[in-house]
Protein backbone atom coordinates (compact mmCIF):
# COMPACT_ATOMS: atom_id res chain seq x y z
CA UNK A 1 -23.72 34.69 8.17
CA UNK A 2 -21.96 35.99 4.94
CA UNK A 3 -24.38 35.23 1.94
CA UNK A 4 -21.46 35.07 -0.55
CA UNK A 5 -19.87 32.55 1.58
CA UNK A 6 -23.09 30.52 1.72
CA UNK A 7 -23.56 30.84 -2.01
CA UNK A 8 -19.96 29.69 -2.90
CA UNK A 9 -20.74 26.62 -0.77
CA UNK A 10 -23.95 25.96 -2.25
CA UNK A 11 -22.44 26.09 -5.81
CA UNK A 12 -19.94 23.46 -4.75
CA UNK A 13 -22.61 21.23 -3.34
CA UNK A 14 -24.61 21.47 -6.58
CA UNK A 15 -21.52 20.54 -8.59
CA UNK A 16 -21.13 16.98 -7.04
CA UNK A 17 -24.71 16.07 -5.98
CA UNK A 18 -24.08 12.33 -6.18
CA UNK A 19 -20.32 12.09 -5.55
CA UNK A 20 -19.57 8.74 -3.97
CA UNK A 21 -19.01 9.04 -0.20
CA UNK A 22 -15.90 7.72 1.56
CA UNK A 23 -18.27 5.44 3.29
CA UNK A 24 -19.74 3.99 0.17
CA UNK A 25 -16.03 3.27 -1.16
CA UNK A 26 -15.01 1.78 2.13
CA UNK A 27 -18.10 -0.33 2.45
CA UNK A 28 -17.51 -1.78 -1.09
CA UNK A 29 -13.91 -2.35 -0.39
CA UNK A 30 -14.74 -4.27 2.94
CA UNK A 31 -17.36 -6.29 1.21
CA UNK A 32 -15.16 -7.27 -1.57
CA UNK A 33 -12.26 -8.23 0.88
CA UNK A 34 -14.74 -10.37 2.80
CA UNK A 35 -15.94 -12.07 -0.39
CA UNK A 36 -12.27 -13.12 -1.42
CA UNK A 37 -11.23 -13.79 2.25
CA UNK A 38 -14.32 -15.05 4.18
CA UNK A 39 -12.40 -14.42 7.59
CA UNK A 40 -13.36 -10.66 7.22
CA UNK A 41 -17.10 -11.23 6.98
CA UNK A 42 -20.00 -12.95 8.73
CA UNK A 43 -22.00 -13.30 5.49
CA UNK A 44 -22.99 -16.82 4.37
CA UNK A 45 -24.20 -18.05 1.19
CA UNK A 46 -26.76 -20.96 0.59
CA UNK A 47 -25.76 -21.67 -2.92
CA UNK A 48 -23.09 -20.93 -5.50
CA UNK A 49 -25.94 -18.98 -7.57
CA UNK A 50 -26.46 -16.88 -4.55
CA UNK A 51 -22.50 -16.33 -4.33
CA UNK A 52 -22.42 -15.46 -8.16
CA UNK A 53 -25.14 -13.01 -7.67
CA UNK A 54 -23.27 -11.45 -4.79
CA UNK A 55 -20.20 -10.91 -7.14
CA UNK A 56 -22.47 -9.35 -9.68
CA UNK A 57 -23.72 -6.93 -7.14
CA UNK A 58 -20.15 -5.83 -6.21
CA UNK A 59 -19.46 -5.44 -9.93
CA UNK A 60 -22.61 -3.09 -10.12
CA UNK A 61 -21.68 -1.12 -7.01
CA UNK A 62 -18.15 -0.54 -8.37
CA UNK A 63 -19.77 0.69 -11.69
CA UNK A 64 -21.99 3.10 -9.79
CA UNK A 65 -19.07 4.42 -7.66
CA UNK A 66 -17.07 4.99 -10.76
CA UNK A 67 -19.80 6.67 -12.56
CA UNK A 68 -20.29 9.17 -9.72
CA UNK A 69 -16.58 9.91 -9.38
CA UNK A 70 -16.18 13.64 -9.95
CA UNK A 71 -12.67 12.89 -11.50
CA UNK A 72 -13.78 10.96 -14.48
CA UNK A 73 -11.52 8.41 -16.21
CA UNK A 74 -11.00 8.35 -19.80
CA UNK A 75 -12.67 4.89 -20.00
CA UNK A 76 -16.33 3.92 -19.40
CA UNK A 77 -17.29 2.79 -15.95
CA UNK A 78 -18.75 -0.41 -17.05
CA UNK A 79 -15.51 -1.22 -18.95
CA UNK A 80 -13.48 -0.36 -16.07
CA UNK A 81 -15.71 -2.57 -13.62
CA UNK A 82 -15.45 -5.51 -16.00
CA UNK A 83 -11.67 -5.13 -16.36
CA UNK A 84 -11.14 -5.02 -12.65
CA UNK A 85 -13.32 -8.00 -11.81
CA UNK A 86 -11.42 -9.77 -14.76
CA UNK A 87 -8.20 -9.28 -12.98
CA UNK A 88 -9.59 -10.16 -9.52
CA UNK A 89 -8.18 -13.81 -9.72
CA UNK A 90 -4.67 -12.43 -10.25
CA UNK A 91 -5.15 -10.06 -7.51
CA UNK A 92 -6.31 -12.78 -5.31
CA UNK A 93 -3.34 -14.94 -6.14
CA UNK A 94 -0.91 -12.06 -5.28
CA UNK A 95 -2.58 -11.62 -1.92
CA UNK A 96 -2.31 -15.43 -1.07
CA UNK A 97 1.37 -15.13 -1.94
CA UNK A 98 1.70 -12.14 0.44
CA UNK A 99 -0.16 -14.20 3.05
CA UNK A 100 2.58 -16.77 2.74
CA UNK A 101 5.27 -14.30 3.11
CA UNK A 102 3.65 -12.85 6.21
CA UNK A 103 3.13 -16.40 7.80
CA UNK A 104 6.39 -17.93 6.79
CA UNK A 105 8.34 -14.56 7.79
CA UNK A 106 7.00 -14.24 11.46
CA UNK A 107 7.81 -16.91 13.88
CA UNK A 108 4.93 -15.71 16.11
CA UNK A 109 2.35 -16.51 13.52
CA UNK A 110 0.62 -19.63 14.38
CA UNK A 111 -1.82 -19.94 11.35
CA UNK A 112 -2.66 -18.37 8.06
CA UNK A 113 -6.09 -17.47 9.58
CA UNK A 114 -4.33 -15.59 12.43
CA UNK A 115 -2.49 -13.46 9.88
CA UNK A 116 -5.69 -12.79 7.92
CA UNK A 117 -7.79 -11.67 11.03
CA UNK A 118 -5.26 -9.95 13.06
CA UNK A 119 -2.24 -8.66 11.02
CA UNK A 120 -2.45 -5.01 10.09
CA UNK A 121 0.24 -5.71 7.30
CA UNK A 122 -2.11 -7.96 5.48
CA UNK A 123 -5.07 -5.60 5.62
CA UNK A 124 -2.79 -2.76 4.23
CA UNK A 125 -1.34 -4.93 1.55
CA UNK A 126 -4.84 -6.18 0.58
CA UNK A 127 -6.05 -2.47 0.31
CA UNK A 128 -2.94 -1.59 -1.77
CA UNK A 129 -3.40 -4.53 -4.27
CA UNK A 130 -7.14 -3.52 -4.87
CA UNK A 131 -6.44 0.27 -4.91
CA UNK A 132 -3.36 -0.32 -7.24
CA UNK A 133 -5.38 -2.26 -9.74
CA UNK A 134 -8.06 0.64 -9.84
CA UNK A 135 -5.05 2.91 -10.30
CA UNK A 136 -3.67 1.06 -13.35
CA UNK A 137 -7.16 1.16 -14.88
CA UNK A 138 -6.89 5.06 -14.84
CA UNK A 139 -9.38 5.55 -11.89
CA UNK A 140 -8.73 8.64 -10.01
CA UNK A 141 -9.45 9.53 -6.31
CA UNK A 142 -11.25 6.23 -5.27
CA UNK A 143 -7.81 4.43 -4.93
CA UNK A 144 -6.53 7.07 -2.61
CA UNK A 145 -9.79 6.68 -0.58
CA UNK A 146 -9.19 2.95 -0.10
CA UNK A 147 -5.50 3.44 0.59
CA UNK A 148 -6.36 6.14 3.15
CA UNK A 149 -8.98 3.92 4.81
CA UNK A 150 -6.37 1.29 5.38
CA UNK A 151 -3.92 3.95 6.59
CA UNK A 152 -6.35 5.12 9.23
CA UNK A 153 -7.11 1.52 10.31
CA UNK A 154 -3.49 0.06 10.28
CA UNK A 155 -1.08 3.09 10.56
CA UNK A 156 0.63 1.86 7.15
CA UNK A 157 0.51 4.51 4.44
CA UNK A 158 1.11 2.98 0.97
CA UNK A 159 0.32 5.18 -2.08
CA UNK A 160 -1.77 3.29 -4.55
CA UNK A 161 0.51 4.11 -7.37
CA UNK A 162 3.58 2.29 -5.70
CA UNK A 163 4.65 -0.78 -7.50
CA UNK A 164 5.03 -3.80 -5.21
CA UNK A 165 6.28 -7.30 -6.30
CA UNK A 166 5.05 -10.70 -5.23
CA UNK A 167 5.46 -12.21 -1.67
CA UNK A 168 5.60 -8.89 0.12
CA UNK A 169 5.75 -8.89 3.85
CA UNK A 170 5.22 -5.94 6.32
CA UNK A 171 5.89 -7.00 9.91
CA UNK A 172 4.09 -5.30 12.67
CA UNK A 173 3.78 -2.04 10.40
CA UNK A 174 2.88 0.83 12.40
CA UNK A 175 4.24 3.97 10.88
CA UNK A 176 5.43 2.53 7.54
CA UNK A 177 5.27 5.07 4.57
CA UNK A 178 5.66 3.91 0.93
CA UNK A 179 5.70 6.76 -1.49
CA UNK A 180 4.00 7.08 -4.85
CA UNK A 181 6.82 6.24 -7.19
CA UNK A 182 8.41 3.66 -5.00
CA UNK A 183 9.20 0.23 -6.79
CA UNK A 184 9.52 -2.86 -4.72
CA UNK A 185 10.74 -6.27 -5.95
CA UNK A 186 9.76 -9.75 -4.99
CA UNK A 187 10.25 -11.30 -1.50
CA UNK A 188 10.83 -8.07 0.25
CA UNK A 189 10.29 -7.74 3.98
CA UNK A 190 9.99 -4.41 5.91
CA UNK A 191 9.32 -3.62 9.50
CA UNK A 192 7.58 -0.93 11.52
CA UNK A 193 8.56 2.76 11.05
CA UNK A 194 10.27 2.34 7.60
CA UNK A 195 9.89 5.25 5.19
CA UNK A 196 10.52 4.95 1.41
CA UNK A 197 10.30 8.53 0.49
CA UNK A 198 11.32 11.47 -1.45
CA UNK A 199 14.11 13.80 -1.25
CA UNK A 200 12.23 16.60 -2.54
CA UNK A 201 8.62 17.82 -2.03
CA UNK A 202 8.79 20.44 -4.77
CA UNK A 203 5.51 20.36 -6.93
CA UNK A 204 7.42 20.70 -10.02
CA UNK A 205 8.83 17.12 -9.38
CA UNK A 206 5.42 15.60 -9.34
CA UNK A 207 5.79 13.75 -12.57
CA UNK A 208 9.35 12.39 -11.74
CA UNK A 209 10.50 9.25 -10.00
CA UNK A 210 10.92 10.71 -6.43
CA UNK A 211 11.00 7.36 -4.45
CA UNK A 212 13.57 4.53 -4.06
CA UNK A 213 13.70 1.11 -5.81
CA UNK A 214 14.07 -1.75 -3.40
CA UNK A 215 15.44 -4.99 -5.17
CA UNK A 216 14.37 -8.61 -4.58
CA UNK A 217 14.76 -10.27 -1.24
CA UNK A 218 15.86 -7.09 0.54
CA UNK A 219 15.11 -6.71 4.27
CA UNK A 220 14.56 -3.21 5.67
CA UNK A 221 14.54 -3.07 9.52
CA UNK A 222 12.60 -0.84 11.90
CA UNK A 223 12.85 2.87 11.54
CA UNK A 224 15.06 2.86 8.39
CA UNK A 225 14.53 5.80 6.00
CA UNK A 226 15.46 5.45 2.39
CA UNK A 227 14.93 8.45 0.12
CA UNK A 228 15.18 9.42 -3.38
CA UNK A 229 14.23 8.32 -6.76
CA UNK A 230 17.73 7.53 -7.73
CA UNK A 231 18.27 5.48 -4.64
CA UNK A 232 18.44 1.80 -5.52
CA UNK A 233 18.79 -0.79 -2.73
CA UNK A 234 20.44 -3.80 -4.41
CA UNK A 235 18.87 -7.32 -4.19
CA UNK A 236 19.46 -9.57 -1.21
CA UNK A 237 20.64 -6.49 0.80
CA UNK A 238 19.81 -5.77 4.41
CA UNK A 239 19.25 -2.26 5.76
CA UNK A 240 19.48 -2.07 9.50
CA UNK A 241 17.27 -0.34 11.98
CA UNK A 242 17.27 3.60 11.93
CA UNK A 243 19.72 3.75 9.09
CA UNK A 244 19.17 6.82 6.79
CA UNK A 245 20.06 6.33 3.27
CA UNK A 246 20.10 8.61 0.24
CA UNK A 247 22.41 6.88 -2.01
CA UNK A 248 22.28 3.52 -3.89
CA UNK A 249 23.93 0.31 -2.50
CA UNK A 250 24.90 -2.88 -4.50
CA UNK A 251 23.37 -6.25 -4.19
CA UNK A 252 24.23 -8.40 -0.98
CA UNK A 253 25.09 -5.17 0.94
CA UNK A 254 24.56 -4.78 4.69
CA UNK A 255 24.08 -1.28 6.17
CA UNK A 256 23.58 -0.85 10.06
CA UNK A 257 24.38 1.40 13.04
CA UNK A 258 26.78 0.11 15.70
CA UNK A 259 27.21 1.69 19.01
CA UNK A 260 30.75 2.16 20.23
CA UNK A 261 32.25 3.33 23.55
CA UNK A 262 34.83 6.07 23.15
CA UNK A 263 35.88 5.78 26.83
CA UNK A 264 35.14 9.58 27.84
CA UNK A 265 31.81 10.65 26.64
CA UNK A 266 29.94 7.28 26.64
CA UNK A 267 28.62 5.58 23.61
CA UNK A 268 28.44 6.96 20.03
CA UNK A 269 26.56 5.72 17.01
CA UNK A 270 28.44 4.97 13.86
CA UNK A 271 27.31 3.50 10.56
CA UNK A 272 28.65 0.25 9.37
CA UNK A 273 28.58 -0.68 5.73
CA UNK A 274 29.44 -3.90 4.10
CA UNK A 275 29.27 -3.66 0.39
CA UNK A 276 29.50 -1.13 -2.38
CA UNK A 277 27.91 2.30 -2.72
CA UNK A 278 26.58 2.18 -6.30
C-alpha cells in the first residue's frame, strides 16, 4: 500500500475527528419530526415535564451537532440552537398548512393521519421546512444532509435554500426536483416528475438566481420541466404534463400538450398555450 496515500487519508481523518455523522443528523431530524408529529414515533411521555426535558435534549443535540460541523457558521452554536427552537412553532404551523393542502388536494386521502404516515410529499416538505430554517440561520452542510436523507427516502429532491410559500402540496412526488434559487408562492401544487431547474450549470453562475419563480395558486402537472432564473410562472396558471418551459407566462395562463392526428404519419404532439408570454 502506498504510504503517501495512507498518510494523506490519515491527515484528513485527524482534521475532522468529531464531525457529526450523517446518521447523527438523520437521527436528530427523525426524533424532532416524531416530537412535533407523534405519528412518526413510538415514544410516549408520562408527564409534561418529561416532554419538556425531551425538547431540551433535542436542543442540546442540535447544539452538539452544530459545534462539530466542519463548516462553521459565523454565529455561536448555542445561539443558533436557541433561534431554531424559538422558530419551531412557526415551522410547525407551516407544516400544518402543508398537511391541509395535501389532504384537501388529494381525493384519495381519507384522513390527515394517512397523509402524515404514508405520503412521501409530506415527509419531503417537513424535511425542507426544518432544513430551510437552519439554512436561514447560516448553518452549512447539515441542511443538505437532512434534505438528502429525505431525497433518498422519498425520491423528492428539494434544495434547502429554495423558498417555498404556505400550503404547499406535492402529490405522489417521485422524481420532483426543486433547485436552490427556486421561489414558490402560496397554495402551489406540483405532481411527480416536475423539475424546477436551471438553464446553466456553469460554476460562475453559482451566486445568481438560476431557478424559476412560481406564482401563487399555480398547478404544475406530472413531468413538466421549468428552467431558468428569469422564468416566472404567473399566479393561478396551469402547466400541463410534460411541458418544457424556459420563458415566463402571465397570470391565469394554461400551457399543455395536445395530440393531433395528421392523417398520414399518425399522431403528433403540439403545444397549446392560452395566455400571454411575459
